[in-house]
Amino acid sequence: MARVLEWVFFLYFASHIPITILFDSQALLPKELYPQALKDVMANYAHGAKDALMADPPMWFKSFCWCEMTLQLPFFFVAAYAFFQGKCRWIRLPVIIYSTHTATTLIPILAQVFFNDFSDSPVPGPTTFEERMTLATIYMPYLVIPLLMLFVMVFSDDYKPHLHMKSH
């Protein structure tokens, strides 16, 4: 079972690399940097999913995107490597930090999705329960998988450091 979870974590980090570079970065960087096809994919996603956070990101959301681009993106490569290799105990503390940070950022994102009144929004946001649940489902893996990682790193003997005890 431990190796299955490592593959899940590897796929999570490996897939996050292109998502961050090609799509999430569009919330921050000049639009001229992206080919029209990528801008179209983003616009179609934001419109179809009614993701006002990506279509017209508020400053607090951009701050999360900056953390993703500058701190998390380099870590995605390291973590993908560690979970691909398997049983890398040295990844424990970095994953605890990453997963805690990421899960924490999802709280205001999901609060925005579920409770914000998008009626004045310059771009369409979710208004019905079904639309809110659909958008929340898109964001939910970025809460659930980091919480699962945190649980594994804290409680699994596979990642706990070896304690060398001297006998007297």
N, C-alpha and C. Protein backbone atom coordinates (compact mmCIF):
# COMPACT_ATOMS: atom_id res chain seq x y z
N MET A 1 0.82 -1.20 0.00
CA MET A 1 0.00 0.00 0.00
C MET A 1 0.86 1.26 0.00
N ALA A 2 2.00 1.22 0.70
CA ALA A 2 2.87 2.40 0.76
C ALA A 2 3.36 2.79 -0.63
N ARG A 3 3.70 1.80 -1.44
CA ARG A 3 4.20 2.11 -2.79
C ARG A 3 3.08 2.69 -3.67
N VAL A 4 1.86 2.24 -3.48
CA VAL A 4 0.73 2.80 -4.22
C VAL A 4 0.58 4.28 -3.89
N LEU A 5 0.66 4.61 -2.61
CA LEU A 5 0.56 6.02 -2.21
C LEU A 5 1.71 6.84 -2.79
N GLU A 6 2.90 6.27 -2.81
CA GLU A 6 4.03 6.99 -3.40
C GLU A 6 3.78 7.28 -4.87
N TRP A 7 3.18 6.34 -5.59
CA TRP A 7 2.86 6.58 -7.01
C TRP A 7 1.79 7.65 -7.15
N VAL A 8 0.81 7.65 -6.25
CA VAL A 8 -0.21 8.71 -6.27
C VAL A 8 0.46 10.06 -6.04
N PHE A 9 1.36 10.13 -5.06
CA PHE A 9 2.05 11.39 -4.77
C PHE A 9 2.96 11.80 -5.92
N PHE A 10 3.64 10.82 -6.53
CA PHE A 10 4.47 11.13 -7.69
C PHE A 10 3.62 11.74 -8.81
N LEU A 11 2.49 11.10 -9.12
CA LEU A 11 1.62 11.61 -10.19
C LEU A 11 1.07 12.99 -9.84
N TYR A 12 0.75 13.21 -8.60
CA TYR A 12 0.27 14.53 -8.15
C TYR A 12 1.33 15.60 -8.45
N PHE A 13 2.56 15.36 -8.01
CA PHE A 13 3.62 16.36 -8.21
C PHE A 13 4.01 16.48 -9.68
N ALA A 14 4.13 15.36 -10.37
CA ALA A 14 4.53 15.39 -11.79
C ALA A 14 3.47 16.13 -12.62
N SER A 15 2.20 15.92 -12.33
CA SER A 15 1.15 16.60 -13.09
C SER A 15 1.06 18.08 -12.72
N HIS A 16 1.46 18.40 -11.52
CA HIS A 16 1.38 19.78 -11.05
C HIS A 16 2.39 20.68 -11.78
N ILE A 17 3.48 20.11 -12.27
CA ILE A 17 4.51 20.90 -12.96
C ILE A 17 3.94 21.58 -14.21
N PRO A 18 3.40 20.83 -15.17
CA PRO A 18 2.85 21.52 -16.35
C PRO A 18 1.64 22.39 -16.02
N ILE A 19 0.81 21.98 -15.07
CA ILE A 19 -0.35 22.80 -14.70
C ILE A 19 0.11 24.16 -14.19
N THR A 20 1.13 24.17 -13.35
CA THR A 20 1.64 25.42 -12.80
C THR A 20 2.26 26.30 -13.88
N ILE A 21 3.10 25.69 -14.71
CA ILE A 21 3.81 26.46 -15.73
C ILE A 21 2.87 26.98 -16.82
N LEU A 22 1.97 26.14 -17.28
CA LEU A 22 1.15 26.50 -18.44
C LEU A 22 -0.14 27.25 -18.07
N PHE A 23 -0.68 26.98 -16.89
CA PHE A 23 -2.00 27.54 -16.58
C PHE A 23 -2.02 28.43 -15.35
N ASP A 24 -1.59 27.92 -14.20
CA ASP A 24 -1.67 28.74 -12.99
C ASP A 24 -0.85 30.02 -13.10
N SER A 25 0.25 29.95 -13.82
CA SER A 25 1.09 31.14 -14.00
C SER A 25 0.38 32.24 -14.78
N GLN A 26 -0.65 31.89 -15.52
CA GLN A 26 -1.39 32.89 -16.29
C GLN A 26 -2.11 33.90 -15.39
N ALA A 27 -2.31 33.54 -14.13
CA ALA A 27 -2.92 34.48 -13.18
C ALA A 27 -1.95 35.60 -12.81
N LEU A 28 -0.66 35.43 -13.15
CA LEU A 28 0.37 36.36 -12.70
C LEU A 28 1.15 37.05 -13.81
N LEU A 29 1.51 36.30 -14.80
CA LEU A 29 2.45 36.78 -15.81
C LEU A 29 1.74 37.46 -16.97
N PRO A 30 2.45 38.30 -17.71
CA PRO A 30 1.82 39.00 -18.85
C PRO A 30 1.26 38.01 -19.87
N LYS A 31 0.09 38.33 -20.36
CA LYS A 31 -0.61 37.45 -21.30
C LYS A 31 0.19 37.23 -22.58
N GLU A 32 1.06 38.18 -22.94
CA GLU A 32 1.85 38.07 -24.17
C GLU A 32 2.83 36.89 -24.12
N LEU A 33 3.11 36.38 -22.95
CA LEU A 33 4.04 35.26 -22.82
C LEU A 33 3.45 33.92 -23.29
N TYR A 34 2.13 33.89 -23.44
CA TYR A 34 1.46 32.62 -23.70
C TYR A 34 0.95 32.56 -25.12
N PRO A 35 1.08 31.39 -25.76
CA PRO A 35 0.46 31.23 -27.09
C PRO A 35 -1.07 31.32 -26.96
N GLN A 36 -1.70 31.73 -28.03
CA GLN A 36 -3.15 31.91 -28.01
C GLN A 36 -3.87 30.64 -27.59
N ALA A 37 -3.36 29.49 -27.99
CA ALA A 37 -4.01 28.22 -27.65
C ALA A 37 -4.10 28.03 -26.13
N LEU A 38 -3.03 28.36 -25.40
CA LEU A 38 -3.06 28.23 -23.93
C LEU A 38 -3.99 29.25 -23.30
N LYS A 39 -3.99 30.47 -23.84
CA LYS A 39 -4.92 31.49 -23.33
C LYS A 39 -6.36 31.06 -23.57
N ASP A 40 -6.61 30.44 -24.71
CA ASP A 40 -7.96 29.96 -25.03
C ASP A 40 -8.38 28.83 -24.08
N VAL A 41 -7.47 27.91 -23.82
CA VAL A 41 -7.78 26.82 -22.88
C VAL A 41 -8.13 27.41 -21.51
N MET A 42 -7.34 28.37 -21.06
CA MET A 42 -7.60 28.99 -19.76
C MET A 42 -8.95 29.71 -19.76
N ALA A 43 -9.22 30.47 -20.81
CA ALA A 43 -10.48 31.20 -20.89
C ALA A 43 -11.68 30.25 -20.94
N ASN A 44 -11.56 29.19 -21.71
CA ASN A 44 -12.63 28.20 -21.80
C ASN A 44 -12.85 27.51 -20.46
N TYR A 45 -11.75 27.17 -19.78
CA TYR A 45 -11.87 26.56 -18.45
C TYR A 45 -12.57 27.53 -17.49
N ALA A 46 -12.05 28.76 -17.39
CA ALA A 46 -12.58 29.73 -16.43
C ALA A 46 -14.07 30.00 -16.70
N HIS A 47 -14.43 30.09 -17.98
CA HIS A 47 -15.84 30.33 -18.33
C HIS A 47 -16.69 29.09 -18.02
N GLY A 48 -16.22 27.93 -18.45
CA GLY A 48 -17.00 26.70 -18.26
C GLY A 48 -17.15 26.30 -16.81
N ALA A 49 -16.09 26.44 -16.04
CA ALA A 49 -16.13 26.07 -14.62
C ALA A 49 -16.60 27.22 -13.74
N LYS A 50 -16.78 28.39 -14.35
CA LYS A 50 -17.14 29.61 -13.61
C LYS A 50 -16.13 29.89 -12.50
N ASP A 51 -14.85 29.74 -12.87
CA ASP A 51 -13.76 29.96 -11.93
C ASP A 51 -13.32 31.42 -12.01
N ALA A 52 -14.00 32.27 -11.26
CA ALA A 52 -13.69 33.70 -11.24
C ALA A 52 -12.31 33.96 -10.64
N LEU A 53 -11.83 33.06 -9.80
CA LEU A 53 -10.49 33.24 -9.21
C LEU A 53 -9.41 33.20 -10.28
N MET A 54 -9.56 32.33 -11.25
CA MET A 54 -8.57 32.25 -12.33
C MET A 54 -8.85 33.27 -13.43
N ALA A 55 -10.12 33.58 -13.67
CA ALA A 55 -10.47 34.52 -14.73
C ALA A 55 -10.08 35.95 -14.38
N ASP A 56 -10.27 36.32 -13.12
CA ASP A 56 -9.97 37.68 -12.66
C ASP A 56 -9.45 37.58 -11.23
N PRO A 57 -8.20 37.11 -11.08
CA PRO A 57 -7.71 36.76 -9.74
C PRO A 57 -7.56 37.98 -8.82
N PRO A 58 -8.16 37.89 -7.62
CA PRO A 58 -7.93 38.94 -6.63
C PRO A 58 -6.50 38.86 -6.09
N MET A 59 -6.04 39.92 -5.47
CA MET A 59 -4.65 39.98 -5.01
C MET A 59 -4.32 38.84 -4.04
N TRP A 60 -5.23 38.51 -3.12
CA TRP A 60 -4.93 37.44 -2.17
C TRP A 60 -4.71 36.12 -2.90
N PHE A 61 -5.47 35.87 -3.98
CA PHE A 61 -5.29 34.64 -4.75
C PHE A 61 -3.97 34.69 -5.52
N LYS A 62 -3.63 35.85 -6.05
CA LYS A 62 -2.34 35.99 -6.74
C LYS A 62 -1.19 35.70 -5.79
N SER A 63 -1.32 36.07 -4.53
CA SER A 63 -0.24 35.79 -3.57
C SER A 63 -0.04 34.29 -3.42
N PHE A 64 -1.12 33.52 -3.46
CA PHE A 64 -1.00 32.06 -3.42
C PHE A 64 -0.32 31.55 -4.69
N CYS A 65 -0.67 32.15 -5.82
CA CYS A 65 -0.06 31.75 -7.09
C CYS A 65 1.44 32.07 -7.11
N TRP A 66 1.82 33.20 -6.51
CA TRP A 66 3.25 33.54 -6.42
C TRP A 66 3.99 32.50 -5.58
N CYS A 67 3.39 32.08 -4.48
CA CYS A 67 4.01 31.03 -3.67
C CYS A 67 4.15 29.74 -4.48
N GLU A 68 3.13 29.44 -5.26
CA GLU A 68 3.18 28.23 -6.09
C GLU A 68 4.31 28.32 -7.11
N MET A 69 4.43 29.47 -7.76
CA MET A 69 5.44 29.65 -8.81
C MET A 69 6.87 29.68 -8.25
N THR A 70 7.07 30.35 -7.13
CA THR A 70 8.43 30.57 -6.65
C THR A 70 8.91 29.54 -5.63
N LEU A 71 8.03 29.05 -4.79
CA LEU A 71 8.43 28.10 -3.75
C LEU A 71 8.03 26.67 -4.09
N GLN A 72 6.81 26.49 -4.54
CA GLN A 72 6.32 25.14 -4.74
C GLN A 72 6.82 24.51 -6.04
N LEU A 73 6.86 25.28 -7.12
CA LEU A 73 7.26 24.70 -8.41
C LEU A 73 8.63 24.02 -8.34
N PRO A 74 9.67 24.65 -7.79
CA PRO A 74 10.95 23.92 -7.68
C PRO A 74 10.81 22.65 -6.83
N PHE A 75 9.99 22.73 -5.80
CA PHE A 75 9.79 21.57 -4.93
C PHE A 75 9.07 20.43 -5.65
N PHE A 76 8.19 20.75 -6.60
CA PHE A 76 7.48 19.70 -7.33
C PHE A 76 8.45 18.73 -7.99
N PHE A 77 9.54 19.24 -8.54
CA PHE A 77 10.54 18.38 -9.18
C PHE A 77 11.21 17.47 -8.14
N VAL A 78 11.58 18.03 -7.01
CA VAL A 78 12.24 17.28 -5.94
C VAL A 78 11.30 16.20 -5.40
N ALA A 79 10.06 16.59 -5.13
CA ALA A 79 9.10 15.65 -4.56
C ALA A 79 8.74 14.56 -5.57
N ALA A 80 8.57 14.93 -6.82
CA ALA A 80 8.28 13.91 -7.84
C ALA A 80 9.41 12.89 -7.89
N TYR A 81 10.65 13.37 -7.87
CA TYR A 81 11.81 12.46 -7.87
C TYR A 81 11.78 11.54 -6.64
N ALA A 82 11.55 12.12 -5.47
CA ALA A 82 11.57 11.33 -4.22
C ALA A 82 10.50 10.24 -4.24
N PHE A 83 9.30 10.58 -4.67
CA PHE A 83 8.23 9.58 -4.67
C PHE A 83 8.38 8.59 -5.81
N PHE A 84 9.00 8.99 -6.90
CA PHE A 84 9.30 8.05 -7.97
C PHE A 84 10.32 7.02 -7.47
N GLN A 85 11.33 7.49 -6.76
CA GLN A 85 12.34 6.58 -6.21
C GLN A 85 11.75 5.69 -5.12
N GLY A 86 10.95 6.29 -4.24
CA GLY A 86 10.33 5.54 -3.15
C GLY A 86 11.19 5.46 -1.91
N LYS A 87 10.54 5.46 -0.78
CA LYS A 87 11.17 5.29 0.53
C LYS A 87 12.29 6.30 0.81
N CYS A 88 12.13 7.51 0.33
CA CYS A 88 13.12 8.57 0.59
C CYS A 88 12.71 9.30 1.87
N ARG A 89 13.30 8.89 2.98
CA ARG A 89 12.93 9.49 4.27
C ARG A 89 13.23 10.98 4.33
N TRP A 90 14.21 11.45 3.57
CA TRP A 90 14.60 12.86 3.60
C TRP A 90 13.50 13.78 3.10
N ILE A 91 12.49 13.24 2.42
CA ILE A 91 11.40 14.08 1.88
C ILE A 91 10.35 14.38 2.95
N ARG A 92 10.43 13.72 4.09
CA ARG A 92 9.40 13.84 5.12
C ARG A 92 9.15 15.28 5.55
N LEU A 93 10.15 15.98 6.04
CA LEU A 93 9.95 17.34 6.54
C LEU A 93 9.54 18.31 5.43
N PRO A 94 10.18 18.28 4.25
CA PRO A 94 9.70 19.16 3.17
C PRO A 94 8.24 18.90 2.79
N VAL A 95 7.81 17.64 2.79
CA VAL A 95 6.43 17.34 2.44
C VAL A 95 5.49 17.80 3.56
N ILE A 96 5.90 17.70 4.79
CA ILE A 96 5.08 18.22 5.89
C ILE A 96 4.88 19.72 5.72
N ILE A 97 5.95 20.43 5.40
CA ILE A 97 5.85 21.88 5.18
C ILE A 97 4.96 22.19 3.98
N TYR A 98 5.23 21.53 2.86
CA TYR A 98 4.44 21.75 1.64
C TYR A 98 2.96 21.45 1.88
N SER A 99 2.67 20.29 2.41
CA SER A 99 1.27 19.87 2.53
C SER A 99 0.51 20.76 3.51
N THR A 100 1.15 21.18 4.58
CA THR A 100 0.50 22.09 5.53
C THR A 100 0.21 23.43 4.86
N HIS A 101 1.18 23.96 4.15
CA HIS A 101 0.99 25.24 3.44
C HIS A 101 -0.12 25.13 2.41
N THR A 102 -0.09 24.11 1.59
CA THR A 102 -1.07 23.97 0.51
C THR A 102 -2.47 23.76 1.06
N ALA A 103 -2.61 22.87 2.02
CA ALA A 103 -3.94 22.64 2.61
C ALA A 103 -4.48 23.93 3.23
N THR A 104 -3.61 24.70 3.85
CA THR A 104 -4.04 25.96 4.47
C THR A 104 -4.53 26.95 3.42
N THR A 105 -3.87 27.02 2.26
CA THR A 105 -4.31 27.97 1.23
C THR A 105 -5.64 27.57 0.62
N LEU A 106 -5.98 26.30 0.70
CA LEU A 106 -7.26 25.86 0.11
C LEU A 106 -8.46 26.28 0.94
N ILE A 107 -8.26 26.60 2.20
CA ILE A 107 -9.39 27.01 3.05
C ILE A 107 -10.01 28.31 2.52
N PRO A 108 -9.24 29.40 2.31
CA PRO A 108 -9.88 30.60 1.76
C PRO A 108 -10.36 30.43 0.32
N ILE A 109 -9.68 29.60 -0.45
CA ILE A 109 -10.14 29.36 -1.83
C ILE A 109 -11.51 28.69 -1.81
N LEU A 110 -11.66 27.65 -1.02
CA LEU A 110 -12.95 26.95 -0.95
C LEU A 110 -14.01 27.83 -0.29
N ALA A 111 -13.63 28.65 0.67
CA ALA A 111 -14.59 29.58 1.28
C ALA A 111 -15.10 30.55 0.22
N GLN A 112 -14.21 31.03 -0.63
CA GLN A 112 -14.60 31.92 -1.73
C GLN A 112 -15.57 31.21 -2.68
N VAL A 113 -15.24 29.99 -3.02
CA VAL A 113 -16.08 29.22 -3.95
C VAL A 113 -17.47 29.00 -3.35
N PHE A 114 -17.53 28.62 -2.09
CA PHE A 114 -18.82 28.27 -1.48
C PHE A 114 -19.65 29.47 -1.02
N PHE A 115 -18.99 30.53 -0.55
CA PHE A 115 -19.73 31.58 0.14
C PHE A 115 -19.70 32.96 -0.50
N ASN A 116 -18.85 33.18 -1.48
CA ASN A 116 -18.78 34.51 -2.08
C ASN A 116 -20.02 34.80 -2.92
N ASP A 117 -20.45 36.05 -2.89
CA ASP A 117 -21.53 36.51 -3.75
C ASP A 117 -20.89 37.03 -5.03
N PHE A 118 -21.02 36.29 -6.11
CA PHE A 118 -20.38 36.65 -7.37
C PHE A 118 -21.25 37.55 -8.24
N SER A 119 -22.36 38.06 -7.70
CA SER A 119 -23.28 38.84 -8.53
C SER A 119 -22.65 40.13 -9.06
N ASP A 120 -21.67 40.72 -8.35
CA ASP A 120 -21.01 41.95 -8.83
C ASP A 120 -19.72 41.64 -9.57
N SER A 121 -19.36 40.38 -9.67
CA SER A 121 -18.09 39.99 -10.26
C SER A 121 -18.02 40.38 -11.73
N PRO A 122 -16.85 40.90 -12.16
CA PRO A 122 -16.70 41.25 -13.58
C PRO A 122 -16.68 40.02 -14.50
N VAL A 123 -16.46 38.86 -13.92
CA VAL A 123 -16.51 37.60 -14.69
C VAL A 123 -17.47 36.65 -13.98
N PRO A 124 -18.10 35.75 -14.71
CA PRO A 124 -19.07 34.86 -14.07
C PRO A 124 -18.42 33.94 -13.04
N GLY A 125 -19.03 33.88 -11.89
CA GLY A 125 -18.63 32.95 -10.86
C GLY A 125 -19.77 31.98 -10.60
N PRO A 126 -19.54 31.00 -9.78
CA PRO A 126 -20.61 30.04 -9.50
C PRO A 126 -21.73 30.70 -8.67
N THR A 127 -22.95 30.38 -9.01
CA THR A 127 -24.08 30.93 -8.25
C THR A 127 -24.96 29.84 -7.68
N THR A 128 -25.12 28.74 -8.40
CA THR A 128 -25.97 27.66 -7.89
C THR A 128 -25.12 26.70 -7.06
N PHE A 129 -25.81 25.90 -6.27
CA PHE A 129 -25.12 24.89 -5.47
C PHE A 129 -24.34 23.94 -6.37
N GLU A 130 -24.94 23.54 -7.47
CA GLU A 130 -24.27 22.61 -8.39
C GLU A 130 -22.99 23.24 -8.97
N GLU A 131 -23.05 24.51 -9.37
CA GLU A 131 -21.87 25.19 -9.91
C GLU A 131 -20.78 25.31 -8.85
N ARG A 132 -21.17 25.61 -7.63
CA ARG A 132 -20.20 25.74 -6.54
C ARG A 132 -19.55 24.38 -6.24
N MET A 133 -20.35 23.33 -6.25
CA MET A 133 -19.81 21.98 -6.00
C MET A 133 -18.89 21.54 -7.14
N THR A 134 -19.24 21.87 -8.37
CA THR A 134 -18.39 21.51 -9.51
C THR A 134 -17.03 22.19 -9.39
N LEU A 135 -17.04 23.49 -9.09
CA LEU A 135 -15.77 24.21 -8.95
C LEU A 135 -14.98 23.71 -7.74
N ALA A 136 -15.67 23.46 -6.65
CA ALA A 136 -14.99 22.94 -5.45
C ALA A 136 -14.35 21.58 -5.76
N THR A 137 -14.98 20.77 -6.57
CA THR A 137 -14.45 19.46 -6.93
C THR A 137 -13.13 19.61 -7.71
N ILE A 138 -13.01 20.67 -8.49
CA ILE A 138 -11.77 20.92 -9.23
C ILE A 138 -10.64 21.28 -8.26
N TYR A 139 -10.94 22.06 -7.25
CA TYR A 139 -9.93 22.47 -6.28
C TYR A 139 -9.66 21.41 -5.19
N MET A 140 -10.63 20.55 -4.93
CA MET A 140 -10.54 19.62 -3.81
C MET A 140 -9.31 18.70 -3.79
N PRO A 141 -8.82 18.20 -4.93
CA PRO A 141 -7.62 17.35 -4.85
C PRO A 141 -6.41 18.06 -4.23
N TYR A 142 -6.39 19.39 -4.34
CA TYR A 142 -5.27 20.16 -3.80
C TYR A 142 -5.42 20.39 -2.30
N LEU A 143 -6.51 19.93 -1.74
CA LEU A 143 -6.68 19.87 -0.29
C LEU A 143 -6.53 18.42 0.18
N VAL A 144 -7.22 17.51 -0.48
CA VAL A 144 -7.27 16.11 -0.03
C VAL A 144 -5.91 15.42 -0.14
N ILE A 145 -5.25 15.56 -1.27
CA ILE A 145 -3.97 14.85 -1.44
C ILE A 145 -2.90 15.42 -0.51
N PRO A 146 -2.75 16.73 -0.36
CA PRO A 146 -1.80 17.22 0.64
C PRO A 146 -2.14 16.76 2.06
N LEU A 147 -3.41 16.70 2.43
CA LEU A 147 -3.75 16.19 3.76
C LEU A 147 -3.39 14.72 3.90
N LEU A 148 -3.59 13.94 2.84
CA LEU A 148 -3.19 12.54 2.85
C LEU A 148 -1.67 12.43 3.00
N MET A 149 -0.93 13.27 2.24
CA MET A 149 0.54 13.29 2.35
C MET A 149 0.96 13.61 3.78
N LEU A 150 0.33 14.62 4.36
CA LEU A 150 0.66 15.03 5.73
C LEU A 150 0.44 13.87 6.69
N PHE A 151 -0.68 13.20 6.56
CA PHE A 151 -0.99 12.05 7.40
C PHE A 151 0.07 10.96 7.25
N VAL A 152 0.43 10.64 6.01
CA VAL A 152 1.43 9.60 5.76
C VAL A 152 2.79 10.00 6.35
N MET A 153 3.20 11.24 6.13
CA MET A 153 4.52 11.68 6.61
C MET A 153 4.59 11.70 8.13
N VAL A 154 3.49 12.02 8.78
CA VAL A 154 3.49 12.10 10.24
C VAL A 154 3.37 10.72 10.89
N PHE A 155 2.55 9.85 10.30
CA PHE A 155 2.23 8.60 11.00
C PHE A 155 2.86 7.34 10.43
N SER A 156 3.35 7.36 9.20
CA SER A 156 3.89 6.14 8.60
C SER A 156 5.31 5.87 9.10
N ASP A 157 5.55 4.65 9.50
CA ASP A 157 6.90 4.25 9.92
C ASP A 157 7.88 4.30 8.74
N ASP A 158 7.36 4.24 7.51
CA ASP A 158 8.23 4.30 6.33
C ASP A 158 8.96 5.63 6.23
N TYR A 159 8.42 6.67 6.85
CA TYR A 159 9.03 8.00 6.72
C TYR A 159 9.55 8.55 8.03
N LYS A 160 9.29 7.89 9.12
CA LYS A 160 9.80 8.38 10.39
C LYS A 160 11.31 8.19 10.43
N PRO A 161 12.01 9.16 11.00
CA PRO A 161 13.47 9.02 11.07
C PRO A 161 13.87 7.88 12.00
N HIS A 162 14.97 7.26 11.66
CA HIS A 162 15.52 6.22 12.53
C HIS A 162 16.15 6.90 13.73
N LEU A 163 15.85 6.39 14.91
CA LEU A 163 16.47 6.92 16.11
C LEU A 163 17.55 5.95 16.55
N HIS A 164 18.75 6.46 16.66
CA HIS A 164 19.87 5.62 17.10
C HIS A 164 20.06 5.84 18.57
N MET A 165 19.77 4.82 19.34
CA MET A 165 19.87 4.89 20.80
C MET A 165 21.14 4.19 21.23
N LYS A 166 21.87 4.84 22.11
CA LYS A 166 23.04 4.21 22.69
C LYS A 166 22.60 3.43 23.93
N SER A 167 23.10 2.22 24.06
CA SER A 167 22.78 1.45 25.27
C SER A 167 23.89 1.66 26.29
N HIS A 168 23.50 1.75 27.50
CA HIS A 168 24.50 2.00 28.58
C HIS A 168 24.83 0.74 29.27
